[in-house]
Amino acid sequence: MDFWGDVLLLMLKEDIEKLEKILKIDFHDKNLLRTAITHSSYANQKNIQYNERLEFLGDSVLQIVISEYLFLNYKDKTEGELSKKRALIVCENSLFKIANSWHLGKYIFMSKGEEITGGRTRVSILSDCVEAIIAAIYLDKGFEFSKEFILSNFQKIIEMAMKNQIILDYKTRLQEVLQKNGDADIKYKLLKFEGPPHRRKFYISVAFNGTLKGEGTGFSKKEAEQDAAQTALKTIGELYE
């Protein structure tokens, strides 16, 4: 192998080792973890395996672990209530929080084009990667180990779900809170944007009856508005994280 090929292999090995330390897992089969953090855009260039099949398996492992935990620990909840709570715990936003706690974005193998357009912070890519890692752990360590890992990492998410503190749409929630006593004037304002067209960052504020309640950023106006609404909910004491 040429010099640069050797350098690339060393970099990949170092990234795998760093991620193992974050996850607190020593994989027997390092290739499982490598595949779990390989996006299809990177694999297509290198003709190697990527993580979509692992996502499929990881989703099922996560579902059964959370289902069993809720069933055994919340005996007062109906089937419908348990289903709603489980949906919040395993939703894309929750998985995204887990991914960020692992700093996962910096370790994913993806194409330069995907990276330039914001792939390392894209919710769908990061949440899918969490599921793939869960599958890799399941295949490498077995179900009981996987269950302990999931419950340890998802404990805060589970608690937030049971306390109704997980919000999927911050704009809608903010509107519900501010308008519960009647109509309210809620306005989102684009403050500025910066960066090239393929990686433009937006800055948006939200005001209630003329009073600034929050500001947010995002790589689309929709994302920035959601971020601003989330900040506003924290400001008025309706969101705790």
C-alpha atoms as a PDB file:
ATOM      1  CA  MET A   1       0.000   0.000   0.000  1.00  0.00           C
ATOM      2  CA  ASP A   2       1.268   3.514  -0.732  1.00  0.00           C
ATOM      3  CA  PHE A   3       2.193   6.080   1.910  1.00  0.00           C
ATOM      4  CA  TRP A   4      -1.141   7.939   1.855  1.00  0.00           C
ATOM      5  CA  GLY A   5      -3.045   4.668   2.036  1.00  0.00           C
ATOM      6  CA  ASP A   6      -1.145   3.777   5.196  1.00  0.00           C
ATOM      7  CA  VAL A   7      -1.879   7.217   6.661  1.00  0.00           C
ATOM      8  CA  LEU A   8      -5.601   6.810   5.929  1.00  0.00           C
ATOM      9  CA  LEU A   9      -5.721   3.404   7.624  1.00  0.00           C
ATOM     10  CA  LEU A  10      -3.982   4.848  10.691  1.00  0.00           C
ATOM     11  CA  MET A  11      -6.488   7.728  10.859  1.00  0.00           C
ATOM     12  CA  LEU A  12      -9.417   5.319  10.616  1.00  0.00           C
ATOM     13  CA  LYS A  13      -7.950   3.163  13.382  1.00  0.00           C
ATOM     14  CA  GLU A  14      -7.443   6.186  15.639  1.00  0.00           C
ATOM     15  CA  ASP A  15     -11.016   7.383  15.071  1.00  0.00           C
ATOM     16  CA  ILE A  16     -12.398   3.939  15.921  1.00  0.00           C
ATOM     17  CA  GLU A  17     -10.348   3.830  19.135  1.00  0.00           C
ATOM     18  CA  LYS A  18     -11.490   7.325  20.178  1.00  0.00           C
ATOM     19  CA  LEU A  19     -15.139   6.438  19.604  1.00  0.00           C
ATOM     20  CA  GLU A  20     -14.750   3.190  21.559  1.00  0.00           C
ATOM     21  CA  LYS A  21     -13.523   5.227  24.534  1.00  0.00           C
ATOM     22  CA  ILE A  22     -16.546   7.523  24.303  1.00  0.00           C
ATOM     23  CA  LEU A  23     -18.907   4.541  24.104  1.00  0.00           C
ATOM     24  CA  LYS A  24     -16.892   2.746  26.828  1.00  0.00           C
ATOM     25  CA  ILE A  25     -16.803  -0.401  24.705  1.00  0.00           C
ATOM     26  CA  ASP A  26     -13.907  -2.456  23.377  1.00  0.00           C
ATOM     27  CA  PHE A  27     -15.247  -4.125  20.234  1.00  0.00           C
ATOM     28  CA  HIS A  28     -14.040  -7.632  19.447  1.00  0.00           C
ATOM     29  CA  ASP A  29     -14.876  -7.031  15.779  1.00  0.00           C
ATOM     30  CA  LYS A  30     -13.785  -3.471  14.980  1.00  0.00           C
ATOM     31  CA  ASN A  31     -15.256  -3.786  11.483  1.00  0.00           C
ATOM     32  CA  LEU A  32     -18.764  -3.781  12.959  1.00  0.00           C
ATOM     33  CA  LEU A  33     -18.229  -0.352  14.477  1.00  0.00           C
ATOM     34  CA  ARG A  34     -16.485   0.872  11.338  1.00  0.00           C
ATOM     35  CA  THR A  35     -19.480  -0.171   9.223  1.00  0.00           C
ATOM     36  CA  ALA A  36     -21.887   1.396  11.725  1.00  0.00           C
ATOM     37  CA  ILE A  37     -20.297   4.819  11.271  1.00  0.00           C
ATOM     38  CA  THR A  38     -19.922   4.591   7.483  1.00  0.00           C
ATOM     39  CA  HIS A  39     -22.457   6.629   5.504  1.00  0.00           C
ATOM     40  CA  SER A  40     -23.567   5.435   2.084  1.00  0.00           C
ATOM     41  CA  SER A  41     -21.990   8.475   0.402  1.00  0.00           C
ATOM     42  CA  TYR A  42     -18.546   7.361   1.589  1.00  0.00           C
ATOM     43  CA  ALA A  43     -19.123   3.670   0.884  1.00  0.00           C
ATOM     44  CA  ASN A  44     -20.205   4.334  -2.705  1.00  0.00           C
ATOM     45  CA  GLN A  45     -16.856   5.983  -3.398  1.00  0.00           C
ATOM     46  CA  LYS A  46     -14.830   3.191  -1.764  1.00  0.00           C
ATOM     47  CA  ASN A  47     -17.017   0.194  -2.652  1.00  0.00           C
ATOM     48  CA  ILE A  48     -17.298  -0.904   0.996  1.00  0.00           C
ATOM     49  CA  GLN A  49     -20.137  -1.753   3.377  1.00  0.00           C
ATOM     50  CA  TYR A  50     -22.174   1.032   4.951  1.00  0.00           C
ATOM     51  CA  ASN A  51     -24.607   1.248   7.851  1.00  0.00           C
ATOM     52  CA  GLU A  52     -28.149   0.992   6.432  1.00  0.00           C
ATOM     53  CA  ARG A  53     -28.616  -2.718   7.197  1.00  0.00           C
ATOM     54  CA  LEU A  54     -27.300  -2.169  10.708  1.00  0.00           C
ATOM     55  CA  GLU A  55     -29.797   0.690  11.171  1.00  0.00           C
ATOM     56  CA  PHE A  56     -32.610  -1.767  10.448  1.00  0.00           C
ATOM     57  CA  LEU A  57     -31.400  -4.181  13.109  1.00  0.00           C
ATOM     58  CA  GLY A  58     -30.531  -1.477  15.632  1.00  0.00           C
ATOM     59  CA  ASP A  59     -34.016   0.000  15.441  1.00  0.00           C
ATOM     60  CA  SER A  60     -35.509  -3.376  16.395  1.00  0.00           C
ATOM     61  CA  VAL A  61     -33.075  -3.909  19.287  1.00  0.00           C
ATOM     62  CA  LEU A  62     -33.775  -0.426  20.627  1.00  0.00           C
ATOM     63  CA  GLN A  63     -37.544  -0.914  20.338  1.00  0.00           C
ATOM     64  CA  ILE A  64     -37.586  -4.195  22.280  1.00  0.00           C
ATOM     65  CA  VAL A  65     -35.290  -2.900  25.037  1.00  0.00           C
ATOM     66  CA  ILE A  66     -37.346   0.260  25.595  1.00  0.00           C
ATOM     67  CA  SER A  67     -40.623  -1.669  25.308  1.00  0.00           C
ATOM     68  CA  GLU A  68     -39.543  -4.184  27.963  1.00  0.00           C
ATOM     69  CA  TYR A  69     -38.282  -1.442  30.276  1.00  0.00           C
ATOM     70  CA  LEU A  70     -41.508   0.571  30.074  1.00  0.00           C
ATOM     71  CA  PHE A  71     -43.642  -2.571  30.449  1.00  0.00           C
ATOM     72  CA  LEU A  72     -41.823  -3.664  33.621  1.00  0.00           C
ATOM     73  CA  ASN A  73     -41.392  -0.274  35.259  1.00  0.00           C
ATOM     74  CA  TYR A  74     -44.629   1.572  34.453  1.00  0.00           C
ATOM     75  CA  LYS A  75     -47.362  -0.905  35.302  1.00  0.00           C
ATOM     76  CA  ASP A  76     -49.940   1.864  35.719  1.00  0.00           C
ATOM     77  CA  LYS A  77     -49.679   2.912  32.047  1.00  0.00           C
ATOM     78  CA  THR A  78     -52.019   1.605  29.369  1.00  0.00           C
ATOM     79  CA  GLU A  79     -50.855   0.113  26.086  1.00  0.00           C
ATOM     80  CA  GLY A  80     -51.649   3.376  24.313  1.00  0.00           C
ATOM     81  CA  GLU A  81     -49.727   5.461  26.841  1.00  0.00           C
ATOM     82  CA  LEU A  82     -46.719   3.151  26.660  1.00  0.00           C
ATOM     83  CA  SER A  83     -46.715   3.297  22.866  1.00  0.00           C
ATOM     84  CA  LYS A  84     -46.706   7.108  22.902  1.00  0.00           C
ATOM     85  CA  LYS A  85     -43.863   7.247  25.422  1.00  0.00           C
ATOM     86  CA  ARG A  86     -41.820   4.709  23.483  1.00  0.00           C
ATOM     87  CA  ALA A  87     -42.305   6.736  20.292  1.00  0.00           C
ATOM     88  CA  LEU A  88     -40.865   9.803  22.028  1.00  0.00           C
ATOM     89  CA  ILE A  89     -37.889   7.889  23.442  1.00  0.00           C
ATOM     90  CA  VAL A  90     -36.847   6.330  20.118  1.00  0.00           C
ATOM     91  CA  CYS A  91     -37.778   9.262  17.863  1.00  0.00           C
ATOM     92  CA  GLU A  92     -35.254  10.952  15.590  1.00  0.00           C
ATOM     93  CA  ASN A  93     -34.852  13.963  17.888  1.00  0.00           C
ATOM     94  CA  SER A  94     -34.045  11.755  20.882  1.00  0.00           C
ATOM     95  CA  LEU A  95     -31.506   9.745  18.911  1.00  0.00           C
ATOM     96  CA  PHE A  96     -29.981  13.028  17.734  1.00  0.00           C
ATOM     97  CA  LYS A  97     -29.467  14.064  21.377  1.00  0.00           C
ATOM     98  CA  ILE A  98     -27.711  10.774  22.065  1.00  0.00           C
ATOM     99  CA  ALA A  99     -25.509  11.244  18.992  1.00  0.00           C
ATOM    100  CA  ASN A 100     -24.485  14.716  20.136  1.00  0.00           C
ATOM    101  CA  SER A 101     -23.633  13.435  23.614  1.00  0.00           C
ATOM    102  CA  TRP A 102     -21.168  11.063  21.895  1.00  0.00           C
ATOM    103  CA  HIS A 103     -19.852  13.829  19.557  1.00  0.00           C
ATOM    104  CA  LEU A 104     -20.731  11.324  16.860  1.00  0.00           C
ATOM    105  CA  GLY A 105     -20.733  13.741  13.924  1.00  0.00           C
ATOM    106  CA  LYS A 106     -16.951  14.067  13.897  1.00  0.00           C
ATOM    107  CA  TYR A 107     -16.441  10.296  13.565  1.00  0.00           C
ATOM    108  CA  ILE A 108     -18.803   9.412  10.706  1.00  0.00           C
ATOM    109  CA  PHE A 109     -17.168   8.433   7.423  1.00  0.00           C
ATOM    110  CA  MET A 110     -18.922  10.359   4.660  1.00  0.00           C
ATOM    111  CA  SER A 111     -18.093  11.859   1.286  1.00  0.00           C
ATOM    112  CA  LYS A 112     -16.617  15.335   1.056  1.00  0.00           C
ATOM    113  CA  GLY A 113     -19.763  16.488  -0.736  1.00  0.00           C
ATOM    114  CA  GLU A 114     -22.001  15.241   2.088  1.00  0.00           C
ATOM    115  CA  GLU A 115     -19.750  16.903   4.648  1.00  0.00           C
ATOM    116  CA  ILE A 116     -19.747  20.244   2.818  1.00  0.00           C
ATOM    117  CA  THR A 117     -23.566  20.318   2.754  1.00  0.00           C
ATOM    118  CA  GLY A 118     -23.845  19.799   6.522  1.00  0.00           C
ATOM    119  CA  GLY A 119     -23.861  16.017   6.840  1.00  0.00           C
ATOM    120  CA  ARG A 120     -22.003  15.984  10.145  1.00  0.00           C
ATOM    121  CA  THR A 121     -24.814  17.869  11.868  1.00  0.00           C
ATOM    122  CA  ARG A 122     -27.763  16.438   9.905  1.00  0.00           C
ATOM    123  CA  VAL A 123     -30.357  14.959  12.247  1.00  0.00           C
ATOM    124  CA  SER A 124     -31.259  12.021  10.005  1.00  0.00           C
ATOM    125  CA  ILE A 125     -27.652  10.914   9.468  1.00  0.00           C
ATOM    126  CA  LEU A 126     -26.745  11.126  13.156  1.00  0.00           C
ATOM    127  CA  SER A 127     -29.891   9.415  14.414  1.00  0.00           C
ATOM    128  CA  ASP A 128     -29.526   6.589  11.885  1.00  0.00           C
ATOM    129  CA  CYS A 129     -25.921   6.145  12.960  1.00  0.00           C
ATOM    130  CA  VAL A 130     -26.961   5.712  16.604  1.00  0.00           C
ATOM    131  CA  GLU A 131     -29.242   2.837  15.581  1.00  0.00           C
ATOM    132  CA  ALA A 132     -26.423   1.287  13.549  1.00  0.00           C
ATOM    133  CA  ILE A 133     -24.048   1.475  16.527  1.00  0.00           C
ATOM    134  CA  ILE A 134     -26.644  -0.237  18.722  1.00  0.00           C
ATOM    135  CA  ALA A 135     -26.831  -3.049  16.168  1.00  0.00           C
ATOM    136  CA  ALA A 136     -23.033  -3.319  16.080  1.00  0.00           C
ATOM    137  CA  ILE A 137     -22.960  -3.632  19.870  1.00  0.00           C
ATOM    138  CA  TYR A 138     -25.715  -6.262  19.766  1.00  0.00           C
ATOM    139  CA  LEU A 139     -23.835  -8.359  17.189  1.00  0.00           C
ATOM    140  CA  ASP A 140     -20.509  -7.995  18.984  1.00  0.00           C
ATOM    141  CA  LYS A 141     -21.599  -8.274  22.641  1.00  0.00           C
ATOM    142  CA  GLY A 142     -25.052  -9.879  22.701  1.00  0.00           C
ATOM    143  CA  PHE A 143     -28.476  -8.784  23.889  1.00  0.00           C
ATOM    144  CA  GLU A 144     -27.903  -8.370  27.645  1.00  0.00           C
ATOM    145  CA  PHE A 145     -24.865  -6.152  27.141  1.00  0.00           C
ATOM    146  CA  SER A 146     -26.792  -4.134  24.542  1.00  0.00           C
ATOM    147  CA  LYS A 147     -29.703  -3.705  26.923  1.00  0.00           C
ATOM    148  CA  GLU A 148     -27.461  -2.333  29.674  1.00  0.00           C
ATOM    149  CA  PHE A 149     -25.800   0.011  27.200  1.00  0.00           C
ATOM    150  CA  ILE A 150     -29.110   1.336  25.870  1.00  0.00           C
ATOM    151  CA  LEU A 151     -30.704   1.863  29.280  1.00  0.00           C
ATOM    152  CA  SER A 152     -27.588   3.597  30.589  1.00  0.00           C
ATOM    153  CA  ASN A 153     -27.387   5.992  27.636  1.00  0.00           C
ATOM    154  CA  PHE A 154     -31.135   6.585  27.288  1.00  0.00           C
ATOM    155  CA  GLN A 155     -31.970   7.012  30.979  1.00  0.00           C
ATOM    156  CA  LYS A 156     -32.288  10.798  30.807  1.00  0.00           C
ATOM    157  CA  ILE A 157     -34.346  10.567  27.604  1.00  0.00           C
ATOM    158  CA  ILE A 158     -36.674   8.043  29.265  1.00  0.00           C
ATOM    159  CA  GLU A 159     -37.137  10.305  32.291  1.00  0.00           C
ATOM    160  CA  MET A 160     -37.879  13.314  30.084  1.00  0.00           C
ATOM    161  CA  ALA A 161     -40.436  11.312  28.088  1.00  0.00           C
ATOM    162  CA  MET A 162     -42.253  10.156  31.201  1.00  0.00           C
ATOM    163  CA  LYS A 163     -42.373  13.773  32.453  1.00  0.00           C
ATOM    164  CA  ASN A 164     -43.702  15.021  29.086  1.00  0.00           C
ATOM    165  CA  GLN A 165     -40.541  17.082  28.557  1.00  0.00           C
ATOM    166  CA  ILE A 166     -39.726  15.822  25.059  1.00  0.00           C
ATOM    167  CA  ILE A 167     -41.048  18.153  22.383  1.00  0.00           C
ATOM    168  CA  LEU A 168     -41.029  17.234  18.706  1.00  0.00           C
ATOM    169  CA  ASP A 169     -42.178  20.598  17.355  1.00  0.00           C
ATOM    170  CA  TYR A 170     -40.919  23.562  19.391  1.00  0.00           C
ATOM    171  CA  LYS A 171     -42.779  26.157  17.312  1.00  0.00           C
ATOM    172  CA  THR A 172     -46.134  24.476  17.866  1.00  0.00           C
ATOM    173  CA  ARG A 173     -45.423  24.011  21.573  1.00  0.00           C
ATOM    174  CA  LEU A 174     -44.435  27.670  21.965  1.00  0.00           C
ATOM    175  CA  GLN A 175     -47.622  28.759  20.245  1.00  0.00           C
ATOM    176  CA  GLU A 176     -49.712  26.526  22.523  1.00  0.00           C
ATOM    177  CA  VAL A 177     -48.058  27.917  25.653  1.00  0.00           C
ATOM    178  CA  LEU A 178     -48.235  31.582  24.677  1.00  0.00           C
ATOM    179  CA  GLN A 179     -51.788  31.437  23.339  1.00  0.00           C
ATOM    180  CA  LYS A 180     -53.368  29.385  26.129  1.00  0.00           C
ATOM    181  CA  ASN A 181     -54.864  32.560  27.625  1.00  0.00           C
ATOM    182  CA  GLY A 182     -55.931  34.032  24.310  1.00  0.00           C
ATOM    183  CA  ASP A 183     -54.405  35.320  21.113  1.00  0.00           C
ATOM    184  CA  ALA A 184     -50.758  36.313  21.165  1.00  0.00           C
ATOM    185  CA  ASP A 185     -48.600  38.078  18.608  1.00  0.00           C
ATOM    186  CA  ILE A 186     -45.692  35.702  17.879  1.00  0.00           C
ATOM    187  CA  LYS A 187     -43.250  36.849  15.222  1.00  0.00           C
ATOM    188  CA  TYR A 188     -40.130  35.220  13.798  1.00  0.00           C
ATOM    189  CA  LYS A 189     -37.593  37.555  12.217  1.00  0.00           C
ATOM    190  CA  LEU A 190     -34.617  36.722  10.021  1.00  0.00           C
ATOM    191  CA  LEU A 191     -31.688  38.598  11.555  1.00  0.00           C
ATOM    192  CA  LYS A 192     -29.023  37.624   9.040  1.00  0.00           C
ATOM    193  CA  PHE A 193     -27.536  34.767   7.097  1.00  0.00           C
ATOM    194  CA  GLU A 194     -23.974  33.894   6.232  1.00  0.00           C
ATOM    195  CA  GLY A 195     -21.916  31.363   4.332  1.00  0.00           C
ATOM    196  CA  PRO A 196     -21.962  30.001   0.778  1.00  0.00           C
ATOM    197  CA  PRO A 197     -25.261  28.884  -0.836  1.00  0.00           C
ATOM    198  CA  HIS A 198     -24.565  25.183  -0.209  1.00  0.00           C
ATOM    199  CA  ARG A 199     -23.844  25.802   3.496  1.00  0.00           C
ATOM    200  CA  ARG A 200     -25.839  28.886   4.445  1.00  0.00           C
ATOM    201  CA  LYS A 201     -26.431  29.542   8.147  1.00  0.00           C
ATOM    202  CA  PHE A 202     -29.533  31.482   9.234  1.00  0.00           C
ATOM    203  CA  TYR A 203     -30.021  33.558  12.397  1.00  0.00           C
ATOM    204  CA  ILE A 204     -33.617  34.091  13.519  1.00  0.00           C
ATOM    205  CA  SER A 205     -35.300  35.697  16.537  1.00  0.00           C
ATOM    206  CA  VAL A 206     -38.753  35.142  17.996  1.00  0.00           C
ATOM    207  CA  ALA A 207     -40.721  37.830  19.826  1.00  0.00           C
ATOM    208  CA  PHE A 208     -43.940  37.655  21.858  1.00  0.00           C
ATOM    209  CA  ASN A 209     -46.093  40.798  21.844  1.00  0.00           C
ATOM    210  CA  GLY A 210     -43.034  42.794  20.808  1.00  0.00           C
ATOM    211  CA  THR A 211     -40.720  41.338  23.465  1.00  0.00           C
ATOM    212  CA  LEU A 212     -37.750  39.250  22.382  1.00  0.00           C
ATOM    213  CA  LYS A 213     -37.972  35.734  23.794  1.00  0.00           C
ATOM    214  CA  GLY A 214     -35.271  33.835  21.944  1.00  0.00           C
ATOM    215  CA  GLU A 215     -32.828  33.564  19.099  1.00  0.00           C
ATOM    216  CA  GLY A 216     -31.748  30.543  17.096  1.00  0.00           C
ATOM    217  CA  THR A 217     -29.541  29.359  14.292  1.00  0.00           C
ATOM    218  CA  GLY A 218     -29.785  26.650  11.667  1.00  0.00           C
ATOM    219  CA  PHE A 219     -28.818  25.637   8.165  1.00  0.00           C
ATOM    220  CA  SER A 220     -32.356  26.335   6.969  1.00  0.00           C
ATOM    221  CA  LYS A 221     -34.922  28.912   8.052  1.00  0.00           C
ATOM    222  CA  LYS A 222     -37.140  26.145   9.414  1.00  0.00           C
ATOM    223  CA  GLU A 223     -34.328  24.732  11.524  1.00  0.00           C
ATOM    224  CA  ALA A 224     -33.396  28.191  12.843  1.00  0.00           C
ATOM    225  CA  GLU A 225     -37.017  28.952  13.774  1.00  0.00           C
ATOM    226  CA  GLN A 226     -37.256  25.671  15.690  1.00  0.00           C
ATOM    227  CA  ASP A 227     -34.037  26.542  17.516  1.00  0.00           C
ATOM    228  CA  ALA A 228     -35.353  30.006  18.374  1.00  0.00           C
ATOM    229  CA  ALA A 229     -38.627  28.534  19.652  1.00  0.00           C
ATOM    230  CA  GLN A 230     -36.690  26.045  21.793  1.00  0.00           C
ATOM    231  CA  THR A 231     -34.679  28.899  23.317  1.00  0.00           C
ATOM    232  CA  ALA A 232     -37.889  30.840  23.981  1.00  0.00           C
ATOM    233  CA  LEU A 233     -39.439  27.874  25.785  1.00  0.00           C
ATOM    234  CA  LYS A 234     -36.394  27.723  28.056  1.00  0.00           C
ATOM    235  CA  THR A 235     -36.599  31.479  28.643  1.00  0.00           C
ATOM    236  CA  ILE A 236     -40.214  31.314  29.828  1.00  0.00           C
ATOM    237  CA  GLY A 237     -39.599  28.221  31.972  1.00  0.00           C
ATOM    238  CA  GLU A 238     -41.475  25.703  29.856  1.00  0.00           C
ATOM    239  CA  LEU A 239     -38.495  23.558  28.885  1.00  0.00           C
ATOM    240  CA  TYR A 240     -35.810  21.992  31.034  1.00  0.00           C
ATOM    241  CA  GLU A 241     -32.784  20.126  29.709  1.00  0.00           C
END
